[in-house]
Amino acid sequence: MVKGSTVHPIRRDDERGIFAVHRSVYTDPEIQAREQERIFDRCWLYAAHVSELKAPGDFIARKIANRRIFLVRGKDGAVRAFFNACTHKGAMICRENKGSAKLFSCPYHAWTFDTSGTLMGVPDSESFGPNFEREEFNLNPVPRCDISHGFIFVSFASDGESLPEHLGPAAECLSLLEDNGSEGMQVADGSFKYSIAANWKLLLENSNDAYHVPATHRRYLDYLKEQGGGWANPGEGPRTTVTPLGKGHCVFRLHDQTSKMTGNWGGSMPESLRPGMEARRAALEARHGKERADLMCDTFAILQIFPNLLILESVSTIIRQFFPNGVGSLDVNSWALMPSDLDEDDRAYALRSVAAFWGPGGFGSADDVDILESCQMAFTNREAEWSLVSRGMLADRPPRFDDDLAAREFWKRWGEIVAPEPDSKSNLVPFAARGA
């Protein structure tokens, strides 16, 4: 419920085509605390890609939902996740973001653990007395860790739905990504890390909102025109499909026979790269058939996986994840994902395209940061209570990628978890022109 009120934070009237969200969901610390408890403490959360842990001993340290963890590939080849805290005094075991090690030695008192989390060495262990049981001080594992098509997820809840149950049809979208590389997919070295002075859910909505592109990204569209490209309105340009996948997940695709061949996210593709791109497409068609190759090569896609993972496909693919850092701030992490068999020139072009639009100083992200921070500042106007998320609800046409369908799918799942209704009709309150 909205703080200090009996009004549900989501107003929904499917018959009238109304779906609105109360702006307290972006500003209320109590709602954020409930999100932490019911979403981030329990849901499956993306942690890393298997390509970042190629060999036994490879490790990655990450901050996930306000917890410090690290993932490591063991001698047996299994990927495990541990809390990044020594079981002795709690110091962080992994002080580097990534690396490779056979043993992990705590920098505080030199307690040592192997890649399976087993405590191997305790200096002067006799001083702890005869009742010291070493096996009781193995590293604390993250309760659950599982992998779907190369994407590693963790959950801080020991029970609940399995990862396949959580992903449902979204797993097939990850499978489609996995098949792009004849030798697998590879996360490129480096990442984009930045913060936004806005609530985390605003970035989720924005990432699936093509309606804002002509206004917010005007300078980018002008740049495309200079490069001989352009942006077509969804009703006039390439075919689009928007598909709800259940449980807050959604995927939309922009179908364009030349989209990935022209590379229009960062300007026209150099002619020298075109033969290699065409050869790669032919190889994909030979391996997976024309229909699947068309989806891989001739569409842009955005895959939304609840609660905070977005896979943004263009010339290359961006893995974007973000977490709340206070009610009015969020931290963003993004990585480039591409076929591991790309040659040096193709890889360099893909990375330039990624930076040109998705980087913190790129055409897209810089504009989005500015507008989302503007929204958060304006939320101090408590008299303006509701944000409208109803575009396309009653449209007499298939869903388009500039509709609010993906955002509505997120908010429906959010409502089920964070603000469940005792009565499905309880939020169909009058929707007045003022204050609604």
Protein backbone atom coordinates (compact mmCIF):
# COMPACT_ATOMS: atom_id res chain seq x y z
CA MET A 1 0.00 0.00 0.00
CA VAL A 2 1.01 3.61 -0.53
CA LYS A 3 2.59 5.03 2.62
CA GLY A 4 0.02 6.64 4.89
CA SER A 5 -2.82 5.49 2.64
CA THR A 6 -4.95 2.47 1.81
CA VAL A 7 -4.40 3.02 -1.91
CA HIS A 8 -2.59 0.23 -3.68
CA PRO A 9 0.60 1.44 -5.44
CA ILE A 10 -0.60 0.08 -8.80
CA ARG A 11 -3.81 1.33 -10.39
CA ARG A 12 -5.03 -1.02 -13.07
CA ASP A 13 -8.23 -1.10 -15.09
CA ASP A 14 -7.81 -3.36 -18.11
CA GLU A 15 -11.24 -2.52 -19.55
CA ARG A 16 -10.50 1.20 -19.63
CA GLY A 17 -6.86 0.77 -20.59
CA ILE A 18 -5.43 2.29 -17.41
CA PHE A 19 -2.23 1.19 -15.72
CA ALA A 20 -0.50 3.63 -13.38
CA VAL A 21 2.14 3.43 -10.67
CA HIS A 22 2.19 5.58 -7.56
CA ARG A 23 5.45 7.55 -7.41
CA SER A 24 6.06 6.62 -3.80
CA VAL A 25 7.44 3.32 -5.15
CA TYR A 26 10.49 5.32 -6.24
CA THR A 27 10.92 7.35 -3.04
CA ASP A 28 9.64 5.44 -0.01
CA PRO A 29 12.39 3.77 2.10
CA GLU A 30 9.83 1.33 3.50
CA ILE A 31 9.01 0.09 0.00
CA GLN A 32 12.71 -0.26 -0.76
CA ALA A 33 13.19 -2.30 2.43
CA ARG A 34 10.34 -4.57 1.34
CA GLU A 35 11.96 -4.96 -2.10
CA GLN A 36 15.23 -5.95 -0.48
CA GLU A 37 13.51 -8.56 1.68
CA ARG A 38 11.10 -10.00 -0.89
CA ILE A 39 13.01 -9.58 -4.15
CA PHE A 40 16.77 -9.25 -3.71
CA ASP A 41 16.99 -11.57 -0.70
CA ARG A 42 15.02 -14.30 -2.47
CA CYS A 43 14.99 -14.02 -6.27
CA TRP A 44 17.50 -15.49 -8.68
CA LEU A 45 20.02 -12.78 -9.60
CA TYR A 46 22.55 -12.74 -12.42
CA ALA A 47 26.12 -13.02 -11.10
CA ALA A 48 28.52 -13.69 -14.01
CA HIS A 49 29.04 -15.47 -17.33
CA VAL A 50 30.84 -18.80 -17.56
CA SER A 51 33.37 -17.33 -20.00
CA GLU A 52 34.74 -15.28 -17.10
CA LEU A 53 35.66 -18.51 -15.30
CA LYS A 54 37.37 -20.54 -18.00
CA ALA A 55 39.92 -22.60 -16.07
CA PRO A 56 40.08 -24.20 -12.59
CA GLY A 57 41.04 -21.56 -10.07
CA ASP A 58 39.60 -18.62 -12.05
CA PHE A 59 37.58 -16.36 -9.77
CA ILE A 60 35.46 -13.20 -9.89
CA ALA A 61 34.52 -11.00 -6.94
CA ARG A 62 31.19 -9.20 -7.23
CA LYS A 63 28.80 -7.12 -5.16
CA ILE A 64 25.33 -8.63 -5.54
CA ALA A 65 22.33 -7.16 -3.70
CA ASN A 66 24.52 -5.48 -1.05
CA ARG A 67 26.46 -8.69 -0.44
CA ARG A 68 30.11 -9.33 -1.25
CA ILE A 69 30.54 -12.69 -2.93
CA PHE A 70 33.03 -14.43 -5.20
CA LEU A 71 32.61 -17.15 -7.77
CA VAL A 72 35.30 -19.68 -8.57
CA ARG A 73 35.72 -22.66 -10.87
CA GLY A 74 36.92 -25.63 -8.85
CA LYS A 75 39.39 -28.34 -9.77
CA ASP A 76 36.41 -30.51 -10.67
CA GLY A 77 35.19 -27.88 -13.17
CA ALA A 78 32.16 -26.88 -11.10
CA VAL A 79 31.34 -23.21 -10.54
CA ARG A 80 30.72 -22.32 -6.90
CA ALA A 81 29.72 -19.09 -5.17
CA PHE A 82 30.89 -18.10 -1.68
CA PHE A 83 30.39 -15.14 0.58
CA ASN A 84 33.55 -13.07 0.37
CA ALA A 85 34.27 -13.16 4.09
CA CYS A 86 36.75 -15.18 6.11
CA THR A 87 35.06 -17.46 8.64
CA HIS A 88 37.59 -16.35 11.27
CA LYS A 89 37.20 -12.56 11.62
CA GLY A 90 35.23 -11.71 8.48
CA ALA A 91 37.84 -9.98 6.32
CA MET A 92 37.32 -10.19 2.55
CA ILE A 93 39.16 -13.16 1.04
CA CYS A 94 39.24 -11.87 -2.56
CA ARG A 95 40.64 -8.37 -2.72
CA GLU A 96 40.96 -8.39 -6.51
CA ASN A 97 37.99 -8.23 -8.87
CA LYS A 98 39.19 -11.26 -10.81
CA GLY A 99 42.14 -13.59 -11.15
CA SER A 100 43.23 -17.18 -10.77
CA ALA A 101 44.37 -18.98 -7.63
CA LYS A 102 44.74 -22.50 -6.30
CA LEU A 103 44.29 -21.30 -2.73
CA PHE A 104 42.68 -18.22 -1.15
CA SER A 105 44.56 -16.77 1.81
CA CYS A 106 42.89 -14.27 4.10
CA PRO A 107 45.10 -11.14 4.34
CA TYR A 108 44.19 -10.66 8.02
CA HIS A 109 45.44 -13.85 9.71
CA ALA A 110 46.39 -16.03 6.71
CA TRP A 111 43.66 -18.63 7.06
CA THR A 112 43.70 -20.48 3.74
CA PHE A 113 40.89 -22.05 1.71
CA ASP A 114 40.86 -24.10 -1.49
CA THR A 115 38.57 -23.60 -4.51
CA SER A 116 35.89 -25.81 -2.96
CA GLY A 117 35.77 -23.55 0.11
CA THR A 118 37.48 -26.06 2.39
CA LEU A 119 39.63 -24.57 5.16
CA MET A 120 43.11 -25.88 4.45
CA GLY A 121 45.44 -23.92 6.68
CA VAL A 122 45.25 -22.21 10.09
CA PRO A 123 48.48 -20.72 11.46
CA ASP A 124 49.09 -21.94 15.02
CA SER A 125 45.88 -23.95 14.94
CA GLU A 126 46.75 -25.60 18.28
CA SER A 127 46.10 -22.30 20.07
CA PHE A 128 42.39 -22.62 19.33
CA GLY A 129 42.13 -25.56 21.71
CA PRO A 130 41.10 -29.20 21.42
CA ASN A 131 37.48 -28.42 20.48
CA PHE A 132 38.36 -26.47 17.35
CA GLU A 133 36.71 -28.32 14.45
CA ARG A 134 38.26 -27.11 11.19
CA GLU A 135 35.40 -28.36 9.01
CA GLU A 136 33.02 -26.02 10.83
CA PHE A 137 34.94 -23.04 9.42
CA ASN A 138 34.85 -23.77 5.71
CA LEU A 139 33.81 -20.81 3.58
CA ASN A 140 30.10 -19.99 3.68
CA PRO A 141 28.53 -20.88 0.33
CA VAL A 142 25.85 -18.74 -1.27
CA PRO A 143 22.70 -20.83 -0.68
CA ARG A 144 22.04 -21.51 -4.37
CA CYS A 145 24.05 -21.16 -7.58
CA ASP A 146 22.94 -22.43 -10.98
CA ILE A 147 23.70 -21.87 -14.67
CA SER A 148 21.44 -21.40 -17.68
CA HIS A 149 23.06 -21.33 -21.14
CA GLY A 150 26.26 -19.78 -19.82
CA PHE A 151 24.59 -17.25 -17.50
CA ILE A 152 25.37 -17.84 -13.81
CA PHE A 153 22.67 -16.95 -11.30
CA VAL A 154 22.67 -16.98 -7.50
CA SER A 155 19.92 -16.87 -4.91
CA PHE A 156 20.37 -15.94 -1.26
CA ALA A 157 17.35 -18.02 -0.29
CA SER A 158 17.90 -21.70 0.49
CA ASP A 159 14.44 -22.59 -0.81
CA GLY A 160 12.04 -21.39 -3.46
CA GLU A 161 11.56 -22.02 -7.17
CA SER A 162 14.43 -23.46 -9.17
CA LEU A 163 16.27 -21.40 -11.77
CA PRO A 164 14.49 -23.18 -14.68
CA GLU A 165 11.17 -22.45 -12.99
CA HIS A 166 12.12 -18.80 -12.51
CA LEU A 167 13.31 -18.29 -16.10
CA GLY A 168 10.63 -20.28 -17.91
CA PRO A 169 10.58 -19.33 -21.63
CA ALA A 170 13.29 -16.71 -21.03
CA ALA A 171 15.79 -19.58 -20.94
CA GLU A 172 15.20 -20.17 -24.66
CA CYS A 173 16.19 -16.54 -25.32
CA LEU A 174 19.45 -17.19 -23.46
CA SER A 175 19.90 -20.34 -25.56
CA LEU A 176 19.56 -18.24 -28.70
CA LEU A 177 22.34 -15.98 -27.46
CA GLU A 178 24.54 -18.95 -26.58
CA ASP A 179 24.22 -20.33 -30.12
CA ASN A 180 25.63 -17.14 -31.67
CA GLY A 181 29.19 -18.36 -31.21
CA SER A 182 30.52 -21.51 -32.85
CA GLU A 183 33.00 -21.73 -29.96
CA GLY A 184 30.76 -20.19 -27.32
CA MET A 185 30.21 -16.63 -26.19
CA GLN A 186 32.78 -14.48 -24.44
CA VAL A 187 32.47 -11.53 -22.08
CA ALA A 188 34.97 -8.93 -23.21
CA ASP A 189 37.56 -7.63 -20.78
CA GLY A 190 36.47 -4.54 -18.89
CA SER A 191 33.05 -3.22 -18.02
CA PHE A 192 30.99 -0.06 -17.70
CA LYS A 193 30.34 0.87 -14.08
CA TYR A 194 28.52 4.02 -13.07
CA SER A 195 25.86 5.33 -10.69
CA ILE A 196 22.62 7.18 -11.32
CA ALA A 197 20.83 9.38 -8.77
CA ALA A 198 17.52 7.63 -9.43
CA ASN A 199 15.53 4.67 -8.22
CA TRP A 200 16.55 1.33 -9.77
CA LYS A 201 13.14 0.67 -11.28
CA LEU A 202 13.37 3.78 -13.44
CA LEU A 203 16.27 2.28 -15.39
CA LEU A 204 14.33 -0.95 -15.84
CA GLU A 205 11.41 0.97 -17.36
CA ASN A 206 13.65 3.18 -19.48
CA SER A 207 15.58 0.29 -21.01
CA ASN A 208 12.41 -1.06 -22.60
CA ASP A 209 10.87 2.31 -23.50
CA ALA A 210 11.36 3.11 -27.19
CA TYR A 211 8.69 5.82 -26.94
CA HIS A 212 11.31 8.17 -25.46
CA VAL A 213 13.86 7.76 -28.26
CA PRO A 214 12.76 10.57 -30.64
CA ALA A 215 12.71 13.15 -27.83
CA THR A 216 15.43 12.06 -25.40
CA HIS A 217 17.93 10.83 -27.99
CA ARG A 218 17.51 13.58 -30.58
CA ARG A 219 21.27 14.18 -30.85
CA TYR A 220 21.79 10.49 -31.60
CA LEU A 221 19.15 10.51 -34.32
CA ASP A 222 20.78 13.57 -35.85
CA TYR A 223 24.09 11.71 -35.81
CA LEU A 224 22.51 8.74 -37.60
CA LYS A 225 21.20 11.04 -40.32
CA GLU A 226 24.69 12.41 -40.82
CA GLN A 227 25.91 8.81 -41.19
CA GLY A 228 23.24 8.05 -43.76
CA GLY A 229 20.99 6.13 -41.37
CA GLY A 230 17.84 6.97 -39.48
CA TRP A 231 15.14 5.91 -37.04
CA ALA A 232 11.83 4.67 -38.38
CA ASN A 233 8.61 4.96 -36.40
CA PRO A 234 7.52 1.45 -35.40
CA GLY A 235 4.36 1.74 -37.44
CA GLU A 236 6.28 2.71 -40.55
CA GLY A 237 9.57 0.83 -40.24
CA PRO A 238 10.70 -2.73 -39.51
CA ARG A 239 8.33 -5.27 -37.99
CA THR A 240 8.43 -5.49 -34.21
CA THR A 241 7.29 -8.21 -31.84
CA VAL A 242 6.85 -7.93 -28.07
CA THR A 243 6.42 -11.18 -26.17
CA PRO A 244 5.61 -11.51 -22.44
CA LEU A 245 7.46 -14.52 -21.01
CA GLY A 246 5.77 -14.72 -17.62
CA LYS A 247 7.00 -13.83 -14.11
CA GLY A 248 8.02 -10.31 -15.11
CA HIS A 249 10.18 -11.38 -18.07
CA CYS A 250 9.64 -9.99 -21.56
CA VAL A 251 11.44 -9.83 -24.91
CA PHE A 252 10.98 -7.45 -27.80
CA ARG A 253 12.53 -7.78 -31.21
CA LEU A 254 13.03 -5.31 -34.00
CA HIS A 255 13.09 -7.33 -37.23
CA ASP A 256 15.21 -5.69 -39.92
CA GLN A 257 16.97 -7.54 -42.71
CA THR A 258 19.95 -5.16 -42.62
CA SER A 259 20.09 -4.06 -38.98
CA LYS A 260 23.10 -5.97 -37.71
CA MET A 261 24.78 -5.85 -41.11
CA THR A 262 24.79 -2.04 -41.17
CA GLY A 263 25.71 -1.64 -37.51
CA ASN A 264 23.56 1.43 -37.11
CA TRP A 265 24.05 1.76 -33.35
CA GLY A 266 27.48 3.27 -33.89
CA GLY A 267 27.42 4.41 -37.52
CA SER A 268 27.68 2.48 -40.74
CA MET A 269 29.72 -0.71 -40.70
CA PRO A 270 33.04 -0.48 -42.57
CA GLU A 271 32.85 -2.28 -45.90
CA SER A 272 35.99 -4.22 -45.02
CA LEU A 273 34.09 -6.04 -42.25
CA ARG A 274 31.06 -6.96 -44.36
CA PRO A 275 32.45 -10.18 -45.94
CA GLY A 276 33.33 -11.61 -42.53
CA MET A 277 29.90 -10.73 -41.14
CA GLU A 278 28.16 -12.35 -44.10
CA ALA A 279 30.32 -15.47 -43.75
CA ARG A 280 29.45 -15.71 -40.06
CA ARG A 281 25.75 -15.45 -40.87
CA ALA A 282 26.03 -18.24 -43.46
CA ALA A 283 27.82 -20.44 -40.92
CA LEU A 284 25.08 -19.84 -38.34
CA GLU A 285 22.41 -20.75 -40.88
CA ALA A 286 24.27 -23.97 -41.73
CA ARG A 287 24.47 -24.95 -38.05
CA HIS A 288 21.06 -23.84 -36.80
CA GLY A 289 18.79 -23.40 -39.82
CA LYS A 290 17.51 -20.25 -41.51
CA GLU A 291 14.77 -19.38 -39.01
CA ARG A 292 17.10 -19.44 -36.01
CA ALA A 293 19.87 -17.67 -37.92
CA ASP A 294 17.41 -14.92 -38.88
CA LEU A 295 16.67 -14.31 -35.20
CA MET A 296 20.37 -14.23 -34.36
CA CYS A 297 21.52 -11.98 -37.19
CA ASP A 298 18.59 -9.95 -38.47
CA THR A 299 16.94 -8.69 -35.30
CA PHE A 300 17.75 -6.36 -32.48
CA ALA A 301 16.37 -7.63 -29.18
CA ILE A 302 15.99 -6.56 -25.59
CA LEU A 303 15.44 -9.37 -23.09
CA GLN A 304 14.12 -8.36 -19.69
CA ILE A 305 14.66 -10.89 -16.90
CA PHE A 306 13.03 -10.02 -13.60
CA PRO A 307 14.10 -8.31 -11.46
CA ASN A 308 17.17 -6.44 -12.73
CA LEU A 309 18.82 -8.07 -15.73
CA LEU A 310 18.64 -6.75 -19.29
CA ILE A 311 20.27 -8.31 -22.34
CA LEU A 312 20.52 -5.60 -24.98
CA GLU A 313 21.35 -6.88 -28.46
CA SER A 314 22.70 -4.66 -31.23
CA VAL A 315 25.91 -5.04 -33.27
CA SER A 316 27.15 -6.84 -30.17
CA THR A 317 25.32 -7.66 -26.95
CA ILE A 318 25.29 -5.81 -23.65
CA ILE A 319 24.61 -7.52 -20.32
CA ARG A 320 23.24 -4.78 -18.05
CA GLN A 321 22.55 -5.28 -14.37
CA PHE A 322 21.76 -2.72 -11.72
CA PHE A 323 21.06 -2.66 -7.99
CA PRO A 324 19.56 -0.08 -5.65
CA ASN A 325 22.04 1.88 -3.58
CA GLY A 326 19.56 3.68 -1.39
CA VAL A 327 16.05 4.55 -2.44
CA GLY A 328 17.17 7.33 -4.82
CA SER A 329 20.36 5.87 -6.25
CA LEU A 330 21.40 2.86 -8.30
CA ASP A 331 24.64 1.24 -9.41
CA VAL A 332 24.94 0.00 -12.99
CA ASN A 333 27.26 -2.73 -14.28
CA SER A 334 27.44 -3.55 -17.99
CA TRP A 335 29.53 -6.04 -19.93
CA ALA A 336 29.94 -6.68 -23.65
CA LEU A 337 29.15 -10.23 -24.78
CA MET A 338 30.20 -11.45 -28.22
CA PRO A 339 31.08 -14.66 -30.08
CA SER A 340 34.49 -15.86 -28.97
CA ASP A 341 35.48 -16.63 -32.57
CA LEU A 342 35.33 -12.99 -33.77
CA ASP A 343 38.57 -11.80 -35.31
CA GLU A 344 40.43 -8.77 -33.99
CA ASP A 345 38.86 -6.25 -36.38
CA ASP A 346 35.30 -7.46 -35.79
CA ARG A 347 35.83 -7.41 -32.03
CA ALA A 348 37.28 -3.89 -32.10
CA TYR A 349 34.35 -2.63 -34.18
CA ALA A 350 31.83 -4.28 -31.87
CA LEU A 351 33.43 -2.72 -28.80
CA ARG A 352 33.47 0.74 -30.42
CA SER A 353 29.78 0.35 -31.24
CA VAL A 354 29.04 -0.67 -27.66
CA ALA A 355 30.84 2.35 -26.23
CA ALA A 356 29.29 4.75 -28.76
CA PHE A 357 25.75 4.09 -27.53
CA TRP A 358 25.73 2.08 -24.29
CA GLY A 359 28.83 3.48 -22.57
CA PRO A 360 28.39 6.00 -19.71
CA GLY A 361 29.47 8.79 -22.09
CA GLY A 362 27.78 7.31 -25.15
CA PHE A 363 24.88 8.70 -27.12
CA GLY A 364 22.24 6.66 -25.30
CA SER A 365 23.32 6.24 -21.68
CA ALA A 366 24.30 9.87 -21.02
CA ASP A 367 20.89 11.10 -22.17
CA ASP A 368 19.12 8.45 -20.10
CA VAL A 369 21.07 9.27 -16.94
CA ASP A 370 20.12 12.93 -17.28
CA ILE A 371 16.41 12.27 -17.79
CA LEU A 372 16.11 9.63 -15.05
CA GLU A 373 17.79 11.90 -12.50
CA SER A 374 15.36 14.61 -13.58
CA CYS A 375 12.44 12.25 -12.85
CA GLN A 376 13.81 11.40 -9.41
CA MET A 377 14.22 15.10 -8.52
CA ALA A 378 10.66 15.84 -9.65
CA PHE A 379 9.26 13.08 -7.44
CA THR A 380 9.64 15.51 -4.52
CA ASN A 381 6.42 17.03 -5.87
CA ARG A 382 4.15 14.85 -3.77
CA GLU A 383 1.00 16.35 -5.24
CA ALA A 384 1.84 14.77 -8.63
CA GLU A 385 1.26 11.19 -7.50
CA TRP A 386 0.96 8.84 -10.45
CA SER A 387 3.03 7.74 -13.44
CA LEU A 388 1.19 6.36 -16.46
CA VAL A 389 2.29 2.99 -17.90
CA SER A 390 -0.66 2.32 -20.20
CA ARG A 391 0.64 3.03 -23.70
CA GLY A 392 -0.67 0.39 -26.10
CA MET A 393 -3.12 -1.28 -23.71
CA LEU A 394 -6.19 -0.78 -25.92
CA ALA A 395 -4.41 -0.44 -29.26
CA ASP A 396 -6.13 -2.28 -32.12
CA ARG A 397 -2.84 -3.80 -33.33
CA PRO A 398 -0.15 -6.23 -32.15
CA PRO A 399 2.09 -4.92 -29.35
CA ARG A 400 4.83 -2.58 -30.56
CA PHE A 401 8.24 -2.02 -29.07
CA ASP A 402 7.36 1.58 -28.12
CA ASP A 403 4.44 0.36 -25.99
CA ASP A 404 4.64 -0.02 -22.20
CA LEU A 405 4.02 -3.77 -22.30
CA ALA A 406 7.42 -4.80 -20.90
CA ALA A 407 7.11 -2.30 -18.05
CA ARG A 408 3.62 -3.56 -17.24
CA GLU A 409 4.91 -7.13 -17.13
CA PHE A 410 7.56 -6.01 -14.63
CA TRP A 411 5.07 -4.12 -12.48
CA LYS A 412 2.62 -7.00 -12.41
CA ARG A 413 5.30 -9.32 -11.04
CA TRP A 414 6.59 -6.61 -8.70
CA GLY A 415 3.07 -6.20 -7.35
CA GLU A 416 2.65 -9.93 -6.76
CA ILE A 417 5.84 -10.04 -4.70
CA VAL A 418 6.10 -6.65 -3.00
CA ALA A 419 2.49 -5.49 -2.73
CA PRO A 420 0.12 -8.45 -3.16
CA GLU A 421 -3.54 -7.56 -3.16
CA PRO A 422 -6.01 -9.35 -0.87
CA ASP A 423 -8.73 -8.54 -3.41
CA SER A 424 -8.00 -8.39 -7.14
CA LYS A 425 -10.54 -5.56 -7.47
CA SER A 426 -9.14 -3.46 -4.62
CA ASN A 427 -7.02 -1.18 -6.81
CA LEU A 428 -9.69 -0.27 -9.35
CA VAL A 429 -10.21 3.12 -7.70
CA PRO A 430 -11.57 6.13 -9.60
CA PHE A 431 -8.93 7.52 -11.97
CA ALA A 432 -9.49 11.26 -11.82
CA ALA A 433 -7.79 13.61 -14.25
CA ARG A 434 -6.08 15.46 -11.38
CA GLY A 435 -3.76 13.57 -9.02
CA ALA A 436 -3.96 10.40 -11.09
